[in-house]
């Protein structure tokens, strides 16, 4: 099913882009989906920047590393990594542009990681069931991303957070997905 919500379609396409990068031999590239501030984002980076406890999380001190590319859903129709020539691109075309425009990140992501590539492929299929996006971090999150037991899935058409007055956890009604292999 293709989402009827344009920003969700674009966000899901960036995840499919990572799956395409895996098919192109860059299986050591991983993704970190998160919400901050008030926009869904996807960080793409080499495996070694990710936490040993949660393979979908880049610890905060490493998120500003030069080997991290960040997509923001707040970028609008032309917002793939701020590329003004990618509006009509499919996931494969985005992957090819990613390699050309982030050559250092791509080079660090070369190599095999079949377990992670398989996980990403399964995640892509799962997300296509609805207006769903994964997230591993959000503002005022209860606990740490390293404490997560599953990958929370946000529903674009629903309320995703439950507030206790200080912190927020994900709505228990939301779907979830297994964390990636480390």
C-alpha atoms as a PDB file:
ATOM      1  CA  UNK A   1       0.000   0.000   0.000  1.00  0.00           C
ATOM      2  CA  UNK A   2       1.304   3.415  -0.868  1.00  0.00           C
ATOM      3  CA  UNK A   3       0.681   6.082   1.751  1.00  0.00           C
ATOM      4  CA  UNK A   4      -1.738   8.820   0.738  1.00  0.00           C
ATOM      5  CA  UNK A   5       0.254  11.265   2.886  1.00  0.00           C
ATOM      6  CA  UNK A   6       3.008  12.859   0.799  1.00  0.00           C
ATOM      7  CA  UNK A   7       5.528  13.431   3.596  1.00  0.00           C
ATOM      8  CA  UNK A   8       5.111   9.835   4.814  1.00  0.00           C
ATOM      9  CA  UNK A   9       5.682   8.517   1.257  1.00  0.00           C
ATOM     10  CA  UNK A  10       8.898  10.559   1.024  1.00  0.00           C
ATOM     11  CA  UNK A  11      10.056   9.420   4.467  1.00  0.00           C
ATOM     12  CA  UNK A  12       9.373   5.764   3.637  1.00  0.00           C
ATOM     13  CA  UNK A  13      11.224   6.277   0.340  1.00  0.00           C
ATOM     14  CA  UNK A  14      14.361   7.334   2.258  1.00  0.00           C
ATOM     15  CA  UNK A  15      14.234   4.035   4.164  1.00  0.00           C
ATOM     16  CA  UNK A  16      13.848   2.178   0.849  1.00  0.00           C
ATOM     17  CA  UNK A  17      16.866   4.197  -0.350  1.00  0.00           C
ATOM     18  CA  UNK A  18      18.937   2.604   2.423  1.00  0.00           C
ATOM     19  CA  UNK A  19      17.703  -0.826   1.322  1.00  0.00           C
ATOM     20  CA  UNK A  20      18.796   0.036  -2.236  1.00  0.00           C
ATOM     21  CA  UNK A  21      22.209   1.102  -0.912  1.00  0.00           C
ATOM     22  CA  UNK A  22      22.476  -2.343   0.656  1.00  0.00           C
ATOM     23  CA  UNK A  23      21.714  -3.950  -2.720  1.00  0.00           C
ATOM     24  CA  UNK A  24      24.481  -1.806  -4.227  1.00  0.00           C
ATOM     25  CA  UNK A  25      27.080  -3.172  -1.787  1.00  0.00           C
ATOM     26  CA  UNK A  26      26.828  -0.630   1.029  1.00  0.00           C
ATOM     27  CA  UNK A  27      25.370  -2.977   3.649  1.00  0.00           C
ATOM     28  CA  UNK A  28      27.404  -1.408   6.460  1.00  0.00           C
ATOM     29  CA  UNK A  29      25.228   1.720   6.213  1.00  0.00           C
ATOM     30  CA  UNK A  30      22.559   1.854   8.876  1.00  0.00           C
ATOM     31  CA  UNK A  31      19.584   4.047   9.588  1.00  0.00           C
ATOM     32  CA  UNK A  32      18.433   5.892  12.682  1.00  0.00           C
ATOM     33  CA  UNK A  33      14.831   7.118  12.490  1.00  0.00           C
ATOM     34  CA  UNK A  34      13.927   9.746  15.063  1.00  0.00           C
ATOM     35  CA  UNK A  35      11.709  12.744  15.783  1.00  0.00           C
ATOM     36  CA  UNK A  36      13.429  16.032  16.639  1.00  0.00           C
ATOM     37  CA  UNK A  37      12.324  18.808  16.876  1.00  0.00           C
ATOM     38  CA  UNK A  38       8.771  18.148  15.773  1.00  0.00           C
ATOM     39  CA  UNK A  39       9.821  16.529  12.492  1.00  0.00           C
ATOM     40  CA  UNK A  40      10.581  12.941  11.563  1.00  0.00           C
ATOM     41  CA  UNK A  41      14.217  12.504  10.553  1.00  0.00           C
ATOM     42  CA  UNK A  42      16.435   9.733   9.251  1.00  0.00           C
ATOM     43  CA  UNK A  43      20.160   9.620   9.918  1.00  0.00           C
ATOM     44  CA  UNK A  44      22.222   7.388   7.636  1.00  0.00           C
ATOM     45  CA  UNK A  45      25.704   6.470   8.821  1.00  0.00           C
ATOM     46  CA  UNK A  46      28.291   3.677   8.929  1.00  0.00           C
ATOM     47  CA  UNK A  47      27.723   0.804  11.345  1.00  0.00           C
ATOM     48  CA  UNK A  48      30.553   1.757  13.712  1.00  0.00           C
ATOM     49  CA  UNK A  49      28.747   4.945  14.803  1.00  0.00           C
ATOM     50  CA  UNK A  50      25.753   3.007  16.146  1.00  0.00           C
ATOM     51  CA  UNK A  51      25.190   1.846  19.702  1.00  0.00           C
ATOM     52  CA  UNK A  52      26.178  -1.687  20.677  1.00  0.00           C
ATOM     53  CA  UNK A  53      22.898  -1.986  22.623  1.00  0.00           C
ATOM     54  CA  UNK A  54      20.474  -0.677  19.989  1.00  0.00           C
ATOM     55  CA  UNK A  55      21.547  -1.010  16.362  1.00  0.00           C
ATOM     56  CA  UNK A  56      19.080   1.705  15.302  1.00  0.00           C
ATOM     57  CA  UNK A  57      20.551   4.396  17.573  1.00  0.00           C
ATOM     58  CA  UNK A  58      23.519   6.705  17.119  1.00  0.00           C
ATOM     59  CA  UNK A  59      24.571   8.031  20.537  1.00  0.00           C
ATOM     60  CA  UNK A  60      24.043  11.793  20.759  1.00  0.00           C
ATOM     61  CA  UNK A  61      27.721  12.731  20.719  1.00  0.00           C
ATOM     62  CA  UNK A  62      28.185  10.898  17.409  1.00  0.00           C
ATOM     63  CA  UNK A  63      25.100  12.270  15.639  1.00  0.00           C
ATOM     64  CA  UNK A  64      27.065  15.376  14.608  1.00  0.00           C
ATOM     65  CA  UNK A  65      29.860  13.277  13.078  1.00  0.00           C
ATOM     66  CA  UNK A  66      30.752  14.212   9.489  1.00  0.00           C
ATOM     67  CA  UNK A  67      29.880  10.632   8.493  1.00  0.00           C
ATOM     68  CA  UNK A  68      26.185  11.132   9.274  1.00  0.00           C
ATOM     69  CA  UNK A  69      23.731  12.283   6.599  1.00  0.00           C
ATOM     70  CA  UNK A  70      20.371  13.490   7.909  1.00  0.00           C
ATOM     71  CA  UNK A  71      17.086  13.639   6.021  1.00  0.00           C
ATOM     72  CA  UNK A  72      14.262  15.719   7.519  1.00  0.00           C
ATOM     73  CA  UNK A  73      10.601  15.295   6.610  1.00  0.00           C
ATOM     74  CA  UNK A  74      10.264  19.017   7.312  1.00  0.00           C
ATOM     75  CA  UNK A  75      12.190  19.675   4.085  1.00  0.00           C
ATOM     76  CA  UNK A  76       9.057  19.654   1.946  1.00  0.00           C
ATOM     77  CA  UNK A  77       8.750  18.267  -1.561  1.00  0.00           C
ATOM     78  CA  UNK A  78      12.349  18.933  -2.542  1.00  0.00           C
ATOM     79  CA  UNK A  79      13.790  17.983   0.817  1.00  0.00           C
ATOM     80  CA  UNK A  80      15.802  14.813   0.242  1.00  0.00           C
ATOM     81  CA  UNK A  81      18.961  15.827   2.108  1.00  0.00           C
ATOM     82  CA  UNK A  82      18.310  19.367   0.757  1.00  0.00           C
ATOM     83  CA  UNK A  83      18.811  18.163  -2.838  1.00  0.00           C
ATOM     84  CA  UNK A  84      16.783  20.383  -5.148  1.00  0.00           C
ATOM     85  CA  UNK A  85      16.955  17.910  -8.061  1.00  0.00           C
ATOM     86  CA  UNK A  86      15.489  14.821  -6.354  1.00  0.00           C
ATOM     87  CA  UNK A  87      11.767  15.571  -6.204  1.00  0.00           C
ATOM     88  CA  UNK A  88      10.638  12.814  -8.581  1.00  0.00           C
ATOM     89  CA  UNK A  89      13.370  10.296  -7.752  1.00  0.00           C
ATOM     90  CA  UNK A  90      12.598   6.756  -6.754  1.00  0.00           C
ATOM     91  CA  UNK A  91      14.564   4.945  -4.031  1.00  0.00           C
ATOM     92  CA  UNK A  92      17.228   3.642  -6.456  1.00  0.00           C
ATOM     93  CA  UNK A  93      17.883   7.105  -7.934  1.00  0.00           C
ATOM     94  CA  UNK A  94      18.156   8.509  -4.404  1.00  0.00           C
ATOM     95  CA  UNK A  95      20.654   5.766  -3.516  1.00  0.00           C
ATOM     96  CA  UNK A  96      22.779   6.584  -6.560  1.00  0.00           C
ATOM     97  CA  UNK A  97      22.746  10.285  -5.634  1.00  0.00           C
ATOM     98  CA  UNK A  98      23.616   9.405  -2.042  1.00  0.00           C
ATOM     99  CA  UNK A  99      26.758   7.548  -3.163  1.00  0.00           C
ATOM    100  CA  UNK A 100      27.757  10.430  -5.442  1.00  0.00           C
ATOM    101  CA  UNK A 101      27.014  13.203  -2.941  1.00  0.00           C
ATOM    102  CA  UNK A 102      28.170  11.520   0.258  1.00  0.00           C
ATOM    103  CA  UNK A 103      31.205   9.605  -1.040  1.00  0.00           C
ATOM    104  CA  UNK A 104      32.981   9.431   2.333  1.00  0.00           C
ATOM    105  CA  UNK A 105      29.906   8.044   4.095  1.00  0.00           C
ATOM    106  CA  UNK A 106      29.299   5.611   1.235  1.00  0.00           C
ATOM    107  CA  UNK A 107      32.908   4.411   1.297  1.00  0.00           C
ATOM    108  CA  UNK A 108      32.712   3.777   5.038  1.00  0.00           C
ATOM    109  CA  UNK A 109      29.481   1.845   4.427  1.00  0.00           C
ATOM    110  CA  UNK A 110      30.922  -0.566   1.853  1.00  0.00           C
ATOM    111  CA  UNK A 111      30.867  -4.211   2.773  1.00  0.00           C
ATOM    112  CA  UNK A 112      28.570  -7.041   3.741  1.00  0.00           C
ATOM    113  CA  UNK A 113      26.129  -7.196   6.604  1.00  0.00           C
ATOM    114  CA  UNK A 114      23.499  -9.630   5.389  1.00  0.00           C
ATOM    115  CA  UNK A 115      21.620  -9.766   8.705  1.00  0.00           C
ATOM    116  CA  UNK A 116      21.160  -6.002   8.818  1.00  0.00           C
ATOM    117  CA  UNK A 117      20.323  -5.757   5.101  1.00  0.00           C
ATOM    118  CA  UNK A 118      17.668  -8.442   5.591  1.00  0.00           C
ATOM    119  CA  UNK A 119      16.254  -6.619   8.599  1.00  0.00           C
ATOM    120  CA  UNK A 120      16.027  -3.387   6.571  1.00  0.00           C
ATOM    121  CA  UNK A 121      14.286  -5.169   3.716  1.00  0.00           C
ATOM    122  CA  UNK A 122      11.745  -6.664   6.122  1.00  0.00           C
ATOM    123  CA  UNK A 123      11.207  -3.244   7.748  1.00  0.00           C
ATOM    124  CA  UNK A 124      10.483  -1.697   4.336  1.00  0.00           C
ATOM    125  CA  UNK A 125       7.777  -4.289   3.666  1.00  0.00           C
ATOM    126  CA  UNK A 126       6.273  -3.833   7.125  1.00  0.00           C
ATOM    127  CA  UNK A 127       6.081  -0.034   6.816  1.00  0.00           C
ATOM    128  CA  UNK A 128       4.302  -0.278   3.479  1.00  0.00           C
ATOM    129  CA  UNK A 129       1.268  -1.742   5.266  1.00  0.00           C
ATOM    130  CA  UNK A 130       0.150   1.703   6.436  1.00  0.00           C
ATOM    131  CA  UNK A 131       1.138   5.318   7.158  1.00  0.00           C
ATOM    132  CA  UNK A 132       3.853   4.080   9.502  1.00  0.00           C
ATOM    133  CA  UNK A 133       7.354   5.292  10.325  1.00  0.00           C
ATOM    134  CA  UNK A 134       9.803   3.897  12.853  1.00  0.00           C
ATOM    135  CA  UNK A 135      11.358   6.091  15.505  1.00  0.00           C
ATOM    136  CA  UNK A 136      14.041   5.335  18.026  1.00  0.00           C
ATOM    137  CA  UNK A 137      14.153   8.740  19.737  1.00  0.00           C
ATOM    138  CA  UNK A 138      11.780  11.648  20.395  1.00  0.00           C
ATOM    139  CA  UNK A 139      11.844  14.783  22.529  1.00  0.00           C
ATOM    140  CA  UNK A 140      11.190  14.183  26.244  1.00  0.00           C
ATOM    141  CA  UNK A 141      11.530  10.441  25.726  1.00  0.00           C
ATOM    142  CA  UNK A 142      11.062   8.187  28.742  1.00  0.00           C
ATOM    143  CA  UNK A 143      14.377   6.404  29.249  1.00  0.00           C
ATOM    144  CA  UNK A 144      17.070   6.051  26.613  1.00  0.00           C
ATOM    145  CA  UNK A 145      16.991   4.570  23.109  1.00  0.00           C
ATOM    146  CA  UNK A 146      19.449   1.983  24.438  1.00  0.00           C
ATOM    147  CA  UNK A 147      16.671   0.801  26.804  1.00  0.00           C
ATOM    148  CA  UNK A 148      14.211   0.006  23.990  1.00  0.00           C
ATOM    149  CA  UNK A 149      13.266  -3.649  23.549  1.00  0.00           C
ATOM    150  CA  UNK A 150      11.541  -3.059  20.189  1.00  0.00           C
ATOM    151  CA  UNK A 151      11.534  -0.344  17.543  1.00  0.00           C
ATOM    152  CA  UNK A 152       8.451   1.866  18.077  1.00  0.00           C
ATOM    153  CA  UNK A 153       6.365   2.565  14.995  1.00  0.00           C
ATOM    154  CA  UNK A 154       4.582   5.893  14.734  1.00  0.00           C
ATOM    155  CA  UNK A 155       1.255   6.154  12.963  1.00  0.00           C
ATOM    156  CA  UNK A 156       1.087   9.365  10.932  1.00  0.00           C
ATOM    157  CA  UNK A 157      -2.663   9.712  11.504  1.00  0.00           C
ATOM    158  CA  UNK A 158      -2.727   9.043  15.264  1.00  0.00           C
ATOM    159  CA  UNK A 159      -1.505  10.360  18.587  1.00  0.00           C
ATOM    160  CA  UNK A 160       1.794   8.593  19.190  1.00  0.00           C
ATOM    161  CA  UNK A 161       2.826   9.771  22.641  1.00  0.00           C
ATOM    162  CA  UNK A 162       1.538   9.271  26.152  1.00  0.00           C
ATOM    163  CA  UNK A 163       2.682  12.041  28.514  1.00  0.00           C
ATOM    164  CA  UNK A 164       3.180  11.661  32.252  1.00  0.00           C
ATOM    165  CA  UNK A 165       3.747  15.405  32.719  1.00  0.00           C
ATOM    166  CA  UNK A 166       7.537  15.223  32.369  1.00  0.00           C
ATOM    167  CA  UNK A 167       8.330  12.497  29.860  1.00  0.00           C
ATOM    168  CA  UNK A 168       6.636  10.745  26.969  1.00  0.00           C
ATOM    169  CA  UNK A 169       6.406   7.106  25.976  1.00  0.00           C
ATOM    170  CA  UNK A 170       4.886   5.668  22.829  1.00  0.00           C
ATOM    171  CA  UNK A 171       1.211   4.818  22.664  1.00  0.00           C
ATOM    172  CA  UNK A 172       0.741   1.163  23.635  1.00  0.00           C
ATOM    173  CA  UNK A 173      -1.710   0.772  20.723  1.00  0.00           C
ATOM    174  CA  UNK A 174       1.003   1.525  18.167  1.00  0.00           C
ATOM    175  CA  UNK A 175       2.687  -1.303  16.304  1.00  0.00           C
ATOM    176  CA  UNK A 176       6.342  -2.121  16.887  1.00  0.00           C
ATOM    177  CA  UNK A 177       9.100  -3.926  15.018  1.00  0.00           C
ATOM    178  CA  UNK A 178      12.106  -5.928  16.157  1.00  0.00           C
ATOM    179  CA  UNK A 179      15.306  -3.973  16.747  1.00  0.00           C
ATOM    180  CA  UNK A 180      17.999  -4.565  14.146  1.00  0.00           C
ATOM    181  CA  UNK A 181      20.759  -7.091  14.745  1.00  0.00           C
ATOM    182  CA  UNK A 182      23.944  -5.621  16.172  1.00  0.00           C
END
